[in-house]
Amino acid sequence: MADTTYLSEEDERQILDSIQKWLEKKVAPVAMQLEHDNEWPADLVADMTELGLFGALIHPDYGGLGLSASTYTKIVTMISEEWMSLSGIFNSHLMMSIVVQKFGTDKQKEYWLPKFAAGELRGALGLTEPDAGTDLQSIRTVAKRKGDKYVVNGTKTWISNAIEGHCVALLVKTDPDAQPRYKGMSMLIVPKINPETRAPLPGVKNGRKLEKLGYKGIDSGEFIFEDYECDAELSLVGGKEGEGFFMATGGLEIGRINVAARSVGIARRALRESVQYSQLRKTMGKPICEHQAIQLKLGEMAAKTRASELLVQDAAAAYDRGDRVDMEAGMAKYFASETAVEVATEAMRIHGGYGYSKEYVIERLYRDAPLMCIGEGTNEMQRIIIAKQLVKRNPA
């Protein structure tokens, strides 16, 4: 595979311009209604397929756009400003794709990645279980080798794209008795339909669609595996058992940068709406932007939003250089998500009763923001990761 060559500034600008026009023309008019109806945005997903977003980070050798993380995060932020849920649809898919691209065998890359890049097969990263979230080593889903196949049994939950998607990068225990526990974990690419015929496969089904406070439109659901069989050669990522834990955490790096970028989008939209509203709303004979109490809010909102942008840029640049980025991604994810919650909350206060109304975008931002503090590893865990890496990189 050829070395990745990232876009020129002009090419990047053209892509960003085309996405901005799509957001204005196609997304803005329908986002509010689709979100409130919690409806899968089929037409917009088709548009994103045509725009190549499901192949954004996949190398051009396999039909993807091969974008840098720096360009990708700009796209994610732009889309999240308009409707954050859309960015989750292709990011969850790309986390699965990155696992194959970084760790898969040549045969696996050649088989899966063109289908992923074209949006022909869309999917997700399947880590979370009813009794295992941040502590991945506690998963109970088991895959047993039988000849040239794996037989999978277990349940995954809170999986984005579980219902509308077609496959999942599934973290499983191939050796439940291994010590330490992470050495018994492997990653499988598991379709729920036959990739060639599109017919449903036996042994896998979706559980219920999970209702959420925010993050509407995108489906979050369950996978239930009962004696599900998959081809070992195509499914076992990298062709070797016991390496799934590191593949999962490797996929989470770009996921955390993505969540940080989404958080920036939420914060930027909340700030923009607040700046505009504060100039139009008048109390005591003048626009509320002239009241010092509102100025203090806007000043802090703006500074923290910009700081979040810079942290995302820093993490994305490190990812593009091929550096280890768990600390940088953790910093960006932690700070940007907390900022999104704070800025969305302050925006609601600035808007007063209108901010609480479903007729304004503010209440949606207020509901979407808390997910950013939870998704792809809680912020409590991010601070621990940051501290451990800080000590490790700076020995006394």
Protein backbone atom coordinates (compact mmCIF):
# COMPACT_ATOMS: atom_id res chain seq x y z
CA MET A 1 0.00 0.00 0.00
CA ALA A 2 1.33 3.41 -0.92
CA ASP A 3 2.15 5.97 1.74
CA THR A 4 -0.71 8.26 2.62
CA THR A 5 -0.58 11.68 0.97
CA TYR A 6 -2.87 14.16 2.64
CA LEU A 7 -4.88 16.82 0.85
CA SER A 8 -3.55 20.22 -0.14
CA GLU A 9 -5.15 23.23 1.52
CA GLU A 10 -7.11 23.94 -1.67
CA ASP A 11 -8.45 20.38 -1.92
CA GLU A 12 -9.37 20.42 1.75
CA ARG A 13 -11.20 23.73 1.29
CA GLN A 14 -13.20 22.30 -1.61
CA ILE A 15 -14.30 19.31 0.45
CA LEU A 16 -15.25 21.49 3.41
CA ASP A 17 -17.16 23.88 1.11
CA SER A 18 -19.12 21.05 -0.47
CA ILE A 19 -20.07 19.69 2.96
CA GLN A 20 -21.07 23.15 4.16
CA LYS A 21 -23.36 23.57 1.15
CA TRP A 22 -24.90 20.15 1.82
CA LEU A 23 -25.48 21.07 5.46
CA GLU A 24 -27.20 24.31 4.50
CA LYS A 25 -29.29 22.85 1.69
CA LYS A 26 -30.19 19.35 2.91
CA VAL A 27 -29.52 19.00 6.65
CA ALA A 28 -30.59 22.31 8.21
CA PRO A 29 -34.18 22.18 6.89
CA VAL A 30 -34.89 18.69 8.29
CA ALA A 31 -32.58 18.15 11.28
CA MET A 32 -34.94 19.54 13.91
CA GLN A 33 -37.90 17.41 12.82
CA LEU A 34 -35.87 14.22 12.33
CA GLU A 35 -34.28 14.68 15.74
CA HIS A 36 -37.55 15.24 17.55
CA ASP A 37 -39.12 12.27 15.74
CA ASN A 38 -36.03 10.16 16.52
CA GLU A 39 -36.15 9.03 12.90
CA TRP A 40 -33.29 7.29 11.07
CA PRO A 41 -32.15 9.88 8.47
CA ALA A 42 -32.10 7.53 5.47
CA ASP A 43 -31.84 10.27 2.82
CA LEU A 44 -29.00 12.02 4.65
CA VAL A 45 -27.15 8.72 5.10
CA ALA A 46 -27.41 8.23 1.34
CA ASP A 47 -25.97 11.72 0.87
CA MET A 48 -23.09 10.93 3.24
CA THR A 49 -22.39 7.76 1.27
CA GLU A 50 -22.22 9.78 -1.93
CA LEU A 51 -19.95 12.34 -0.27
CA GLY A 52 -17.57 9.51 0.66
CA LEU A 53 -17.80 10.05 4.41
CA PHE A 54 -17.99 6.32 5.17
CA GLY A 55 -14.56 6.04 3.57
CA ALA A 56 -13.16 9.29 4.96
CA LEU A 57 -10.22 7.70 6.80
CA ILE A 58 -9.86 4.63 4.58
CA HIS A 59 -6.84 4.62 2.26
CA PRO A 60 -7.50 5.43 -1.42
CA ASP A 61 -6.05 2.03 -2.37
CA TYR A 62 -9.27 0.58 -0.98
CA GLY A 63 -11.61 3.23 -2.37
CA GLY A 64 -11.57 5.65 0.55
CA LEU A 65 -10.77 9.36 0.70
CA GLY A 66 -7.66 8.84 2.83
CA LEU A 67 -8.22 12.06 4.75
CA SER A 68 -5.93 13.15 7.54
CA ALA A 69 -7.33 13.22 11.04
CA SER A 70 -6.90 16.99 10.93
CA THR A 71 -9.22 17.33 7.94
CA TYR A 72 -11.58 14.71 9.31
CA THR A 73 -12.06 16.53 12.61
CA LYS A 74 -12.94 19.73 10.76
CA ILE A 75 -15.66 17.83 8.91
CA VAL A 76 -16.95 16.29 12.13
CA THR A 77 -17.10 19.67 13.86
CA MET A 78 -18.96 21.27 10.93
CA ILE A 79 -21.56 18.51 10.82
CA SER A 80 -21.95 18.51 14.61
CA GLU A 81 -22.70 22.22 14.55
CA GLU A 82 -25.75 21.43 12.45
CA TRP A 83 -26.77 18.01 13.82
CA MET A 84 -24.37 16.05 15.98
CA SER A 85 -26.12 12.70 15.50
CA LEU A 86 -25.04 12.51 11.85
CA SER A 87 -21.36 12.49 12.75
CA GLY A 88 -21.89 9.46 14.96
CA ILE A 89 -23.27 7.41 12.08
CA PHE A 90 -20.05 7.50 10.06
CA ASN A 91 -17.63 7.77 12.97
CA SER A 92 -18.78 4.51 14.57
CA HIS A 93 -18.39 2.90 11.16
CA LEU A 94 -14.91 4.35 10.70
CA MET A 95 -13.73 3.07 14.09
CA MET A 96 -14.53 -0.43 12.83
CA SER A 97 -12.78 0.34 9.54
CA ILE A 98 -9.64 1.67 11.24
CA VAL A 99 -9.31 -1.57 13.22
CA VAL A 100 -9.13 -3.51 9.93
CA GLN A 101 -6.90 -0.95 8.22
CA LYS A 102 -4.38 -0.82 11.08
CA PHE A 103 -4.35 -4.45 12.17
CA GLY A 104 -5.99 -6.62 9.50
CA THR A 105 -4.29 -9.13 7.21
CA ASP A 106 -3.87 -8.23 3.55
CA LYS A 107 -6.75 -10.54 2.67
CA GLN A 108 -9.00 -8.93 5.27
CA LYS A 109 -8.16 -5.43 4.07
CA GLU A 110 -8.83 -6.36 0.46
CA TYR A 111 -12.13 -8.02 1.34
CA TRP A 112 -13.62 -5.63 3.90
CA LEU A 113 -12.23 -2.15 3.28
CA PRO A 114 -13.65 -1.52 -0.23
CA LYS A 115 -17.09 -2.51 1.07
CA PHE A 116 -16.67 -0.24 4.09
CA ALA A 117 -15.38 2.70 2.02
CA ALA A 118 -18.30 2.51 -0.40
CA GLY A 119 -20.82 2.41 2.44
CA GLU A 120 -21.96 -0.93 1.04
CA LEU A 121 -21.42 -2.41 4.50
CA ARG A 122 -21.85 0.00 7.39
CA GLY A 123 -21.04 -0.93 10.93
CA ALA A 124 -19.69 -0.13 14.34
CA LEU A 125 -17.28 -1.02 17.10
CA GLY A 126 -18.86 -3.55 19.48
CA LEU A 127 -17.26 -3.26 22.90
CA THR A 128 -19.85 -2.44 25.56
CA GLU A 129 -21.82 -5.16 27.34
CA PRO A 130 -24.49 -5.05 30.06
CA ASP A 131 -21.80 -5.61 32.72
CA ALA A 132 -18.75 -4.17 30.94
CA GLY A 133 -18.28 -0.59 29.81
CA THR A 134 -15.04 1.25 30.49
CA ASP A 135 -13.58 -1.94 31.99
CA LEU A 136 -13.23 -3.82 28.69
CA GLN A 137 -11.49 -6.77 30.31
CA SER A 138 -14.80 -7.69 31.98
CA ILE A 139 -16.56 -8.63 28.74
CA ARG A 140 -18.27 -12.03 28.63
CA THR A 141 -18.92 -12.52 24.92
CA VAL A 142 -17.01 -15.67 23.94
CA ALA A 143 -15.79 -16.93 20.57
CA LYS A 144 -14.64 -20.56 20.36
CA ARG A 145 -12.60 -21.86 17.46
CA LYS A 146 -14.12 -24.87 15.68
CA GLY A 147 -12.15 -25.85 12.61
CA ASP A 148 -12.10 -22.92 10.20
CA LYS A 149 -14.87 -21.07 12.03
CA TYR A 150 -15.57 -19.22 15.27
CA VAL A 151 -18.75 -19.81 17.23
CA VAL A 152 -19.85 -16.66 19.10
CA ASN A 153 -22.14 -16.37 22.11
CA GLY A 154 -22.88 -13.22 24.12
CA THR A 155 -24.59 -9.83 24.16
CA LYS A 156 -23.40 -6.34 23.30
CA THR A 157 -25.31 -3.19 24.20
CA TRP A 158 -25.26 0.57 23.50
CA ILE A 159 -23.84 -0.10 20.04
CA SER A 160 -24.32 2.76 17.58
CA ASN A 161 -25.51 1.55 14.14
CA ALA A 162 -26.48 -1.83 15.64
CA ILE A 163 -29.91 -1.85 14.03
CA GLU A 164 -29.40 0.04 10.77
CA GLY A 165 -25.82 -1.19 10.29
CA HIS A 166 -24.67 -4.43 8.71
CA CYS A 167 -21.64 -5.60 10.69
CA VAL A 168 -19.54 -4.94 13.77
CA ALA A 169 -15.94 -5.16 14.92
CA LEU A 170 -16.64 -7.40 17.88
CA LEU A 171 -14.42 -7.63 20.96
CA VAL A 172 -14.63 -11.19 22.32
CA LYS A 173 -12.93 -13.57 24.73
CA THR A 174 -11.17 -16.35 22.81
CA ASP A 175 -9.44 -17.52 26.00
CA PRO A 176 -11.66 -16.68 29.00
CA ASP A 177 -9.12 -18.14 31.44
CA ALA A 178 -6.13 -16.09 30.25
CA GLN A 179 -4.10 -14.09 32.79
CA PRO A 180 -3.80 -11.19 32.59
CA ARG A 181 -7.33 -11.02 31.17
CA TYR A 182 -6.51 -8.81 28.19
CA LYS A 183 -4.35 -11.56 26.68
CA GLY A 184 -7.45 -13.65 26.12
CA MET A 185 -9.26 -11.03 24.03
CA SER A 186 -9.56 -10.96 20.25
CA MET A 187 -11.33 -8.86 17.62
CA LEU A 188 -13.67 -10.32 15.02
CA ILE A 189 -15.34 -8.66 12.04
CA VAL A 190 -18.86 -10.02 12.29
CA PRO A 191 -21.52 -9.35 9.62
CA LYS A 192 -25.20 -9.85 10.38
CA ILE A 193 -25.97 -10.20 6.66
CA ASN A 194 -24.18 -12.18 3.97
CA PRO A 195 -21.90 -9.57 2.34
CA GLU A 196 -22.52 -11.05 -1.10
CA THR A 197 -26.24 -11.91 -1.07
CA ARG A 198 -27.38 -9.45 1.67
CA ALA A 199 -29.42 -12.27 3.23
CA PRO A 200 -29.71 -12.27 7.06
CA LEU A 201 -27.31 -14.64 8.80
CA PRO A 202 -28.45 -17.06 11.51
CA GLY A 203 -27.28 -16.77 15.11
CA VAL A 204 -27.28 -12.98 15.39
CA LYS A 205 -30.16 -10.66 16.09
CA ASN A 206 -30.78 -7.17 17.36
CA GLY A 207 -32.33 -6.61 20.74
CA ARG A 208 -34.30 -3.51 21.56
CA LYS A 209 -33.59 -0.04 20.27
CA LEU A 210 -32.39 1.92 23.28
CA GLU A 211 -34.11 5.22 24.04
CA LYS A 212 -31.81 8.12 24.92
CA LEU A 213 -31.97 11.61 26.36
CA GLY A 214 -30.31 13.02 23.26
CA TYR A 215 -28.31 11.74 20.30
CA LYS A 216 -31.54 11.06 18.42
CA GLY A 217 -31.87 9.75 14.89
CA ILE A 218 -28.90 7.42 15.11
CA ASP A 219 -29.86 4.03 16.48
CA SER A 220 -28.28 2.66 19.62
CA GLY A 221 -29.09 -0.99 20.15
CA GLU A 222 -28.16 -4.48 21.23
CA PHE A 223 -26.51 -7.42 19.48
CA ILE A 224 -27.39 -10.91 20.68
CA PHE A 225 -25.24 -13.83 19.51
CA GLU A 226 -26.40 -17.42 19.94
CA ASP A 227 -24.10 -20.00 18.34
CA TYR A 228 -23.28 -17.53 15.58
CA GLU A 229 -20.66 -18.86 13.14
CA CYS A 230 -18.18 -16.78 11.16
CA ASP A 231 -15.23 -17.57 8.92
CA ALA A 232 -12.03 -17.47 10.98
CA GLU A 233 -9.72 -16.32 8.18
CA LEU A 234 -11.85 -13.31 7.25
CA SER A 235 -13.10 -12.50 10.74
CA LEU A 236 -10.17 -12.79 13.17
CA VAL A 237 -8.51 -9.40 12.72
CA GLY A 238 -4.79 -9.81 12.16
CA GLY A 239 -5.12 -13.60 12.05
CA LYS A 240 -3.89 -13.98 15.60
CA GLU A 241 -5.77 -14.42 18.88
CA GLY A 242 -5.05 -12.41 22.03
CA GLU A 243 -4.53 -8.97 20.47
CA GLY A 244 -8.08 -7.62 20.53
CA PHE A 245 -7.67 -5.41 23.58
CA PHE A 246 -4.96 -3.33 21.90
CA MET A 247 -6.98 -3.17 18.68
CA ALA A 248 -9.97 -1.85 20.63
CA THR A 249 -7.95 0.82 22.39
CA GLY A 250 -6.27 1.72 19.09
CA GLY A 251 -9.68 2.25 17.51
CA LEU A 252 -10.75 4.36 20.46
CA GLU A 253 -7.98 6.90 19.80
CA ILE A 254 -9.67 8.26 16.69
CA GLY A 255 -13.04 7.81 18.43
CA ARG A 256 -12.00 10.07 21.28
CA ILE A 257 -10.63 12.68 18.89
CA ASN A 258 -13.96 12.47 17.06
CA VAL A 259 -15.95 12.96 20.28
CA ALA A 260 -13.80 15.98 21.06
CA ALA A 261 -14.50 17.38 17.58
CA ARG A 262 -18.21 16.76 18.04
CA SER A 263 -18.02 18.58 21.37
CA VAL A 264 -16.43 21.56 19.64
CA GLY A 265 -19.30 21.59 17.15
CA ILE A 266 -21.87 21.63 19.95
CA ALA A 267 -20.02 24.40 21.79
CA ARG A 268 -19.54 26.50 18.65
CA ARG A 269 -23.23 26.29 17.76
CA ALA A 270 -24.30 27.14 21.30
CA LEU A 271 -21.91 30.09 21.36
CA ARG A 272 -23.02 31.33 17.93
CA GLU A 273 -26.70 31.15 18.87
CA SER A 274 -25.98 32.96 22.13
CA VAL A 275 -24.02 35.78 20.51
CA GLN A 276 -26.82 36.36 18.00
CA TYR A 277 -29.64 36.12 20.52
CA SER A 278 -27.92 38.40 23.01
CA GLN A 279 -27.87 41.18 20.42
CA LEU A 280 -31.57 40.82 19.64
CA ARG A 281 -33.02 40.27 23.10
CA LYS A 282 -33.50 43.48 25.07
CA THR A 283 -34.03 44.05 28.76
CA MET A 284 -34.07 47.34 30.64
CA GLY A 285 -33.91 49.24 27.39
CA LYS A 286 -30.82 47.67 25.85
CA PRO A 287 -29.61 44.41 24.25
CA ILE A 288 -28.63 41.87 26.88
CA CYS A 289 -25.14 41.63 25.32
CA GLU A 290 -24.54 45.03 26.90
CA HIS A 291 -25.20 43.66 30.38
CA GLN A 292 -22.01 42.71 32.17
CA ALA A 293 -23.49 39.43 33.46
CA ILE A 294 -24.04 38.24 29.88
CA GLN A 295 -20.65 39.54 28.75
CA LEU A 296 -18.94 37.45 31.42
CA LYS A 297 -20.73 34.36 30.18
CA LEU A 298 -19.94 35.00 26.51
CA GLY A 299 -16.29 35.73 27.23
CA GLU A 300 -15.75 32.48 29.08
CA MET A 301 -17.77 30.47 26.55
CA ALA A 302 -15.68 31.84 23.68
CA ALA A 303 -12.33 31.24 25.37
CA LYS A 304 -13.11 27.65 26.34
CA THR A 305 -14.57 26.84 22.93
CA ARG A 306 -11.41 28.10 21.22
CA ALA A 307 -9.20 26.20 23.67
CA SER A 308 -11.17 23.05 22.83
CA GLU A 309 -10.60 23.61 19.12
CA LEU A 310 -6.86 23.90 19.68
CA LEU A 311 -6.72 20.72 21.77
CA VAL A 312 -8.52 18.84 19.00
CA GLN A 313 -6.11 20.21 16.41
CA ASP A 314 -3.18 19.17 18.59
CA ALA A 315 -4.47 15.61 19.03
CA ALA A 316 -5.32 15.22 15.34
CA ALA A 317 -1.88 16.47 14.28
CA ALA A 318 -0.22 13.97 16.62
CA TYR A 319 -2.40 11.18 15.21
CA ASP A 320 -1.39 12.17 11.67
CA ARG A 321 2.29 12.03 12.64
CA GLY A 322 1.80 8.49 13.88
CA ASP A 323 2.58 9.43 17.48
CA ARG A 324 1.05 7.76 20.50
CA VAL A 325 -1.95 9.95 21.25
CA ASP A 326 -3.79 8.49 24.23
CA MET A 327 -2.83 11.50 26.36
CA GLU A 328 -3.54 14.07 23.64
CA ALA A 329 -6.82 12.43 22.65
CA GLY A 330 -7.78 12.15 26.32
CA MET A 331 -7.05 15.82 26.95
CA ALA A 332 -9.05 16.91 23.92
CA LYS A 333 -11.97 14.63 24.71
CA TYR A 334 -12.07 15.55 28.39
CA PHE A 335 -11.77 19.32 28.04
CA ALA A 336 -13.90 19.73 24.90
CA SER A 337 -16.76 17.60 26.22
CA GLU A 338 -16.86 19.38 29.57
CA THR A 339 -16.80 22.65 27.64
CA ALA A 340 -19.70 21.51 25.47
CA VAL A 341 -21.81 20.83 28.56
CA GLU A 342 -20.88 24.14 30.15
CA VAL A 343 -21.40 26.23 27.01
CA ALA A 344 -24.72 24.53 26.16
CA THR A 345 -25.91 25.14 29.72
CA GLU A 346 -24.89 28.80 29.66
CA ALA A 347 -26.54 29.19 26.26
CA MET A 348 -29.80 27.94 27.73
CA ARG A 349 -29.52 30.47 30.55
CA ILE A 350 -28.80 33.28 28.11
CA HIS A 351 -31.85 32.31 26.05
CA GLY A 352 -34.04 32.04 29.15
CA GLY A 353 -37.40 30.40 28.47
CA TYR A 354 -36.70 30.20 24.75
CA GLY A 355 -33.68 28.01 25.44
CA TYR A 356 -35.97 25.53 27.15
CA SER A 357 -38.30 25.38 24.17
CA LYS A 358 -38.15 22.65 21.54
CA GLU A 359 -38.61 25.33 18.91
CA TYR A 360 -35.00 26.42 19.45
CA VAL A 361 -31.84 24.40 18.84
CA ILE A 362 -30.48 25.16 22.31
CA GLU A 363 -32.47 22.44 24.10
CA ARG A 364 -31.09 19.86 21.67
CA LEU A 365 -27.52 20.97 22.30
CA TYR A 366 -28.24 20.83 26.03
CA ARG A 367 -29.39 17.20 25.70
CA ASP A 368 -26.63 16.12 23.30
CA ALA A 369 -23.69 17.55 25.21
CA PRO A 370 -23.66 15.17 28.23
CA LEU A 371 -23.12 12.15 25.97
CA MET A 372 -19.75 13.60 25.00
CA CYS A 373 -18.58 13.23 28.61
CA ILE A 374 -19.59 9.55 28.64
CA GLY A 375 -18.99 8.20 25.14
CA GLU A 376 -15.70 6.52 24.13
CA GLY A 377 -14.54 6.33 27.75
CA THR A 378 -15.77 8.44 30.64
CA ASN A 379 -14.06 11.68 31.50
CA GLU A 380 -13.06 10.25 34.85
CA MET A 381 -11.08 7.62 32.96
CA GLN A 382 -9.61 10.24 30.62
CA ARG A 383 -8.10 12.12 33.56
CA ILE A 384 -6.53 8.93 34.86
CA ILE A 385 -5.06 8.18 31.41
CA ILE A 386 -3.70 11.72 31.16
CA ALA A 387 -2.05 11.50 34.58
CA LYS A 388 -0.49 8.10 33.94
CA GLN A 389 0.91 9.18 30.59
CA LEU A 390 2.15 12.43 32.07
CA VAL A 391 4.18 10.53 34.67
CA LYS A 392 5.36 7.92 32.17
CA ARG A 393 6.58 10.54 29.70
CA ASN A 394 8.27 12.63 32.39
CA PRO A 395 10.16 10.25 34.72
CA ALA A 396 11.77 11.83 37.75
